[in-house]
Protein backbone atom coordinates (compact mmCIF):
# COMPACT_ATOMS: atom_id res chain seq x y z
CA MET A 1 -6.65 -100.25 -161.29
CA ALA A 2 -6.79 -98.01 -158.23
CA SER A 3 -4.17 -95.32 -158.02
CA ARG A 4 -1.79 -95.37 -155.08
CA PRO A 5 -2.11 -92.43 -152.72
CA ASN A 6 0.77 -89.98 -152.71
CA LEU A 7 2.77 -90.66 -149.61
CA PRO A 8 4.95 -87.95 -148.14
CA ASP A 9 8.67 -88.51 -147.76
CA LEU A 10 8.97 -90.70 -144.65
CA ALA A 11 12.73 -90.22 -144.16
CA PRO A 12 12.32 -87.46 -141.55
CA ALA A 13 9.92 -89.70 -139.64
CA HIS A 14 12.57 -92.44 -139.41
CA HIS A 15 15.04 -90.01 -137.90
CA LEU A 16 12.46 -88.55 -135.49
CA ALA A 17 11.39 -92.03 -134.37
CA GLY A 18 15.02 -93.03 -133.76
CA VAL A 19 15.66 -89.94 -131.63
CA ALA A 20 12.44 -90.46 -129.67
CA ALA A 21 13.23 -94.16 -129.15
CA SER A 22 16.68 -93.30 -127.77
CA ALA A 23 15.11 -90.76 -125.43
CA LEU A 24 12.60 -93.37 -124.26
CA CYS A 25 15.37 -95.84 -123.46
CA ARG A 26 17.28 -93.20 -121.48
CA SER A 27 14.27 -91.88 -119.56
CA LEU A 28 12.97 -95.37 -118.68
CA GLY A 29 16.41 -96.72 -117.83
CA LEU A 30 16.15 -99.48 -120.42
CA PRO A 31 19.03 -101.03 -122.38
CA PRO A 32 19.87 -99.68 -125.84
CA GLU A 33 18.74 -102.99 -127.33
CA ASP A 34 15.12 -101.86 -126.80
CA ARG A 35 15.66 -98.80 -129.02
CA GLU A 36 14.72 -100.56 -132.26
CA ASP A 37 11.54 -101.99 -130.74
CA PHE A 38 10.47 -98.54 -129.60
CA ARG A 39 11.37 -97.02 -132.96
CA GLN A 40 9.25 -99.61 -134.72
CA ASP A 41 6.31 -99.02 -132.36
CA LEU A 42 6.52 -95.26 -132.97
CA LEU A 43 6.64 -95.70 -136.75
CA VAL A 44 3.69 -98.12 -136.71
CA ASP A 45 1.69 -95.60 -134.72
CA LEU A 46 2.62 -92.87 -137.22
CA LEU A 47 1.62 -95.07 -140.17
CA THR A 48 -1.77 -95.79 -138.61
CA ARG A 49 -2.34 -92.02 -138.26
CA LEU A 50 -1.09 -91.23 -141.78
CA PRO A 51 -4.58 -91.16 -143.34
CA ALA A 52 -5.36 -88.18 -141.06
CA TYR A 53 -2.48 -86.15 -142.52
CA ASP A 54 -3.63 -83.22 -144.64
CA PRO A 55 -0.84 -81.45 -146.58
CA ALA A 56 -2.97 -78.31 -146.77
CA LYS A 57 -2.82 -77.93 -142.97
CA GLY A 58 0.93 -78.17 -142.57
CA GLU A 59 4.20 -79.91 -143.32
CA PHE A 60 4.57 -83.64 -142.89
CA GLY A 61 7.52 -83.16 -140.55
CA ALA A 62 5.38 -81.25 -138.07
CA PHE A 63 2.63 -83.87 -138.29
CA ALA A 64 5.15 -86.69 -137.76
CA ARG A 65 6.78 -84.84 -134.83
CA VAL A 66 3.44 -84.44 -133.02
CA CYS A 67 2.39 -88.06 -133.69
CA ILE A 68 5.73 -89.49 -132.55
CA ARG A 69 5.88 -87.24 -129.48
CA ASN A 70 2.36 -88.30 -128.42
CA ALA A 71 3.04 -91.98 -129.08
CA ALA A 72 6.30 -91.78 -127.10
CA ALA A 73 4.42 -90.21 -124.18
CA LEU A 74 1.85 -93.02 -124.29
CA ILE A 75 4.56 -95.70 -124.38
CA ALA A 76 6.45 -94.08 -121.49
CA GLY A 77 3.29 -93.77 -119.43
CA LYS A 78 2.38 -97.39 -120.02
CA ALA A 79 5.88 -98.55 -119.06
CA ARG A 80 5.82 -96.46 -115.88
CA ARG A 81 2.39 -97.78 -114.91
CA GLN A 82 3.54 -101.36 -115.45
CA ARG A 83 6.68 -100.73 -113.41
CA ALA A 84 4.63 -99.14 -110.60
CA ALA A 85 2.21 -102.08 -110.60
CA ARG A 86 5.01 -104.53 -109.85
CA HIS A 87 5.64 -105.42 -106.25
CA PRO A 88 9.36 -106.14 -106.02
CA ARG A 89 9.90 -108.64 -103.26
CA SER A 90 12.76 -110.80 -102.16
CA LEU A 91 12.49 -114.35 -100.94
CA ASP A 92 14.47 -113.14 -97.94
CA ASP A 93 11.79 -110.59 -96.95
CA ALA A 94 10.22 -111.33 -93.59
CA VAL A 95 6.58 -112.32 -93.45
CA PRO A 96 4.65 -109.97 -91.14
CA ASN A 97 3.45 -111.29 -87.77
CA THR A 98 5.84 -114.27 -87.79
CA GLU A 99 9.03 -114.98 -85.95
CA GLY A 100 11.75 -114.93 -88.60
CA LEU A 101 9.70 -116.64 -91.32
CA THR A 102 10.66 -115.46 -94.82
CA LEU A 103 8.75 -115.55 -98.10
CA GLY A 104 11.08 -118.29 -99.29
CA ASP A 105 10.06 -120.43 -96.33
CA THR A 106 6.40 -120.20 -97.34
CA ILE A 107 6.93 -121.58 -100.86
CA ALA A 108 6.78 -125.35 -101.08
CA GLU A 109 9.52 -127.07 -103.02
CA ALA A 110 6.90 -128.41 -105.43
CA ASP A 111 5.92 -124.79 -106.27
CA GLY A 112 9.46 -123.40 -106.53
CA TYR A 113 11.66 -122.43 -109.43
CA GLY A 114 12.91 -125.98 -109.97
CA ALA A 115 9.35 -127.16 -110.55
CA TRP A 116 8.82 -124.41 -113.13
CA CYS A 117 11.89 -125.68 -115.00
CA GLY A 118 10.59 -129.25 -115.02
CA GLN A 119 12.97 -130.56 -112.38
CA SER A 120 11.90 -133.27 -110.01
CA THR A 121 10.76 -131.77 -106.73
CA ASP A 122 10.32 -134.97 -104.75
CA ALA A 123 13.48 -135.00 -102.64
CA ILE A 124 12.53 -138.24 -100.84
CA GLY A 125 11.81 -139.98 -104.15
CA ALA A 126 15.13 -138.80 -105.58
CA LEU A 127 16.97 -140.08 -102.50
CA GLU A 128 15.22 -143.46 -102.74
CA ARG A 129 16.11 -143.77 -106.45
CA ARG A 130 19.75 -142.95 -105.71
CA LEU A 131 19.90 -145.55 -102.93
CA ASP A 132 18.21 -148.13 -105.18
CA LEU A 133 20.76 -147.45 -107.91
CA GLU A 134 23.65 -147.81 -105.46
CA ARG A 135 22.22 -151.08 -104.16
CA ALA A 136 21.70 -152.32 -107.75
CA ALA A 137 25.24 -151.38 -108.74
CA GLY A 138 26.52 -153.36 -105.75
CA ALA A 139 24.49 -156.42 -106.80
CA ILE A 140 25.78 -156.48 -110.39
CA ALA A 141 29.11 -158.20 -110.99
CA PRO A 142 31.84 -155.92 -112.41
CA GLU A 143 32.22 -158.14 -115.48
CA ASP A 144 28.56 -157.37 -116.34
CA TYR A 145 29.08 -153.57 -116.35
CA PRO A 146 29.93 -153.41 -120.09
CA LEU A 147 26.83 -155.46 -120.90
CA CYS A 148 24.62 -153.17 -118.78
CA ALA A 149 26.13 -150.12 -120.46
CA ALA A 150 25.46 -151.60 -123.90
CA LEU A 151 21.90 -152.53 -122.93
CA SER A 152 21.23 -148.95 -121.82
CA GLU A 153 21.59 -147.93 -125.48
CA HIS A 154 20.48 -151.05 -127.37
CA THR A 155 18.00 -153.87 -127.04
CA PRO A 156 19.47 -157.36 -126.50
CA HIS A 157 18.57 -158.17 -130.12
CA GLU A 158 20.39 -155.06 -131.45
CA PHE A 159 23.39 -155.82 -129.25
CA GLY A 160 23.44 -159.41 -130.56
CA GLU A 161 23.40 -158.09 -134.15
CA GLN A 162 26.73 -156.35 -133.45
CA LYS A 163 28.33 -159.82 -133.06
CA THR A 164 30.34 -158.75 -129.99
CA MET A 165 28.83 -161.55 -127.91
CA PRO A 166 26.71 -164.58 -128.81
CA ARG A 167 23.01 -163.86 -128.40
CA MET A 168 22.43 -166.86 -126.08
CA ARG A 169 25.19 -165.64 -123.77
CA ILE A 170 23.62 -162.15 -123.70
CA TYR A 171 20.25 -163.56 -122.61
CA ARG A 172 21.87 -165.91 -120.07
CA ARG A 173 23.78 -163.02 -118.47
CA ILE A 174 20.63 -160.85 -118.42
CA ARG A 175 18.86 -163.69 -116.57
CA GLU A 176 21.73 -163.90 -114.05
CA ILE A 177 21.69 -160.11 -113.53
CA ARG A 178 17.94 -160.19 -112.88
CA LEU A 179 18.38 -162.98 -110.34
CA ARG A 180 21.13 -161.02 -108.53
CA LEU A 181 18.95 -157.88 -108.46
CA LEU A 182 15.98 -159.89 -107.16
CA ALA A 183 18.20 -161.39 -104.43
CA ALA A 184 19.25 -157.82 -103.47
CA GLY A 185 15.58 -156.85 -103.12
CA ILE A 186 15.27 -154.97 -106.40
CA PRO A 187 12.51 -156.38 -108.59
CA SER A 188 13.27 -156.25 -112.30
CA ALA A 189 10.97 -154.45 -114.68
CA ALA A 190 9.48 -156.88 -117.17
């Protein structure tokens, strides 16, 4: 069985990584919630460099301090480069060489935030569906509203199983509703 290598006491490294992570958060203007992520990144970097540690050349604390300081500098540099690479823009920014056109005006509704969230972006289609529903609601008799509500959750067979209405009456009323909708210009689906 292979012997485990003698690891130095890593407690000072935890403290050094915590201090460096706090300093990173302050210098980059990041929230304190990011401190633990930075601390973990610094410790992982130190652990990957641990095989290069030679106790004959110096104390582990000095080795850990140099590794953590260098890793923190690399993380800070990367964060600053990423921040500099961003082009903060507002949808209210004017587009050059246009008369009052903004960036928001150049984005189609189908490409906007609502589309990213899965919302319908067809405003005309939504308006037509709303008008169709209003016309359908006007064509259905008020006494059929409870039946329509029940059929939105159950099939006619399931609704008949509940014994709230005879099954033949359910199918007869569905047929009458379909005829009223057809007379109002709304074809029924199947």
